[in-house]
Amino acid sequence: MARRPTSIPNDALTRQQLKELERSLGLLSPYIVKEKYRQAADRCRFLDLPTPRVIQELVTTWRVLWRWRK
């Protein structure tokens, strides 16, 4: 049976950092934000257990793209 990692780094972003990330992504072109989304998705895909920060970046980027879709 596979063992779980003993400690997962808790490098989660704070609410303020998330707001700043969302604001900065909103200022970029849609093409660049799509590339950032692909990069975040690749980091989640290739890690055994993605860190909270990687997941937060993926979700925040997805939210910006979703908002533009409407």
Protein backbone atom coordinates (compact mmCIF):
# COMPACT_ATOMS: atom_id res chain seq x y z
CA MET A 1 0.00 0.00 0.00
CA ALA A 2 1.26 3.47 -0.86
CA ARG A 3 2.29 5.77 1.95
CA ARG A 4 1.01 9.26 2.29
CA PRO A 5 3.52 12.05 2.64
CA THR A 6 4.21 12.84 6.27
CA SER A 7 3.98 16.57 5.78
CA ILE A 8 2.38 18.63 3.07
CA PRO A 9 3.80 22.13 2.80
CA ASN A 10 1.15 24.66 3.73
CA ASP A 11 2.05 27.45 1.37
CA ALA A 12 -1.55 28.56 0.86
CA LEU A 13 -2.19 32.10 -0.28
CA THR A 14 -3.96 34.52 2.02
CA ARG A 15 -7.21 36.20 0.99
CA GLN A 16 -5.33 39.39 0.21
CA GLN A 17 -2.82 37.54 -1.97
CA LEU A 18 -5.68 35.79 -3.81
CA LYS A 19 -7.39 39.11 -4.50
CA GLU A 20 -4.13 40.55 -5.80
CA LEU A 21 -3.58 37.49 -8.03
CA GLU A 22 -7.11 37.79 -9.42
CA ARG A 23 -6.67 41.52 -10.04
CA SER A 24 -3.33 41.05 -11.80
CA LEU A 25 -4.74 38.25 -13.97
CA GLY A 26 -7.64 40.49 -14.94
CA LEU A 27 -5.20 43.03 -16.34
CA LEU A 28 -3.54 40.51 -18.67
CA SER A 29 -4.70 39.47 -22.12
CA PRO A 30 -6.95 36.40 -22.41
CA TYR A 31 -4.24 34.52 -24.29
CA ILE A 32 -1.73 34.97 -21.45
CA VAL A 33 -4.31 33.98 -18.82
CA LYS A 34 -5.11 30.82 -20.80
CA GLU A 35 -1.41 29.96 -20.84
CA LYS A 36 -1.19 30.53 -17.09
CA TYR A 37 -4.19 28.24 -16.63
CA ARG A 38 -2.53 25.52 -18.71
CA GLN A 39 0.66 25.86 -16.68
CA ALA A 40 -1.24 25.58 -13.39
CA ALA A 41 -3.18 22.58 -14.68
CA ASP A 42 0.07 20.88 -15.71
CA ARG A 43 1.57 21.50 -12.28
CA CYS A 44 -1.50 19.90 -10.68
CA ARG A 45 -1.42 16.99 -13.09
CA PHE A 46 2.22 16.08 -12.71
CA LEU A 47 2.50 16.36 -8.94
CA ASP A 48 1.47 13.40 -6.81
CA LEU A 49 -0.26 15.67 -4.35
CA PRO A 50 -0.50 19.31 -5.42
CA THR A 51 0.06 21.95 -2.78
CA PRO A 52 -2.76 24.26 -1.71
CA ARG A 53 -1.07 27.18 -3.46
CA VAL A 54 -1.07 25.40 -6.83
CA ILE A 55 -4.76 24.53 -6.47
CA GLN A 56 -5.59 28.12 -5.49
CA GLU A 57 -3.74 29.48 -8.52
CA LEU A 58 -5.59 27.04 -10.79
CA VAL A 59 -9.01 27.94 -9.40
CA THR A 60 -8.35 31.69 -9.45
CA THR A 61 -7.19 31.57 -13.06
CA TRP A 62 -10.24 29.50 -14.00
CA ARG A 63 -12.52 32.07 -12.32
CA VAL A 64 -11.00 34.91 -14.34
CA LEU A 65 -11.44 32.97 -17.58
CA TRP A 66 -15.01 32.03 -16.66
CA ARG A 67 -15.91 35.65 -15.90
CA TRP A 68 -14.62 36.72 -19.33
CA ARG A 69 -16.71 34.03 -21.01
CA LYS A 70 -19.98 35.65 -19.97
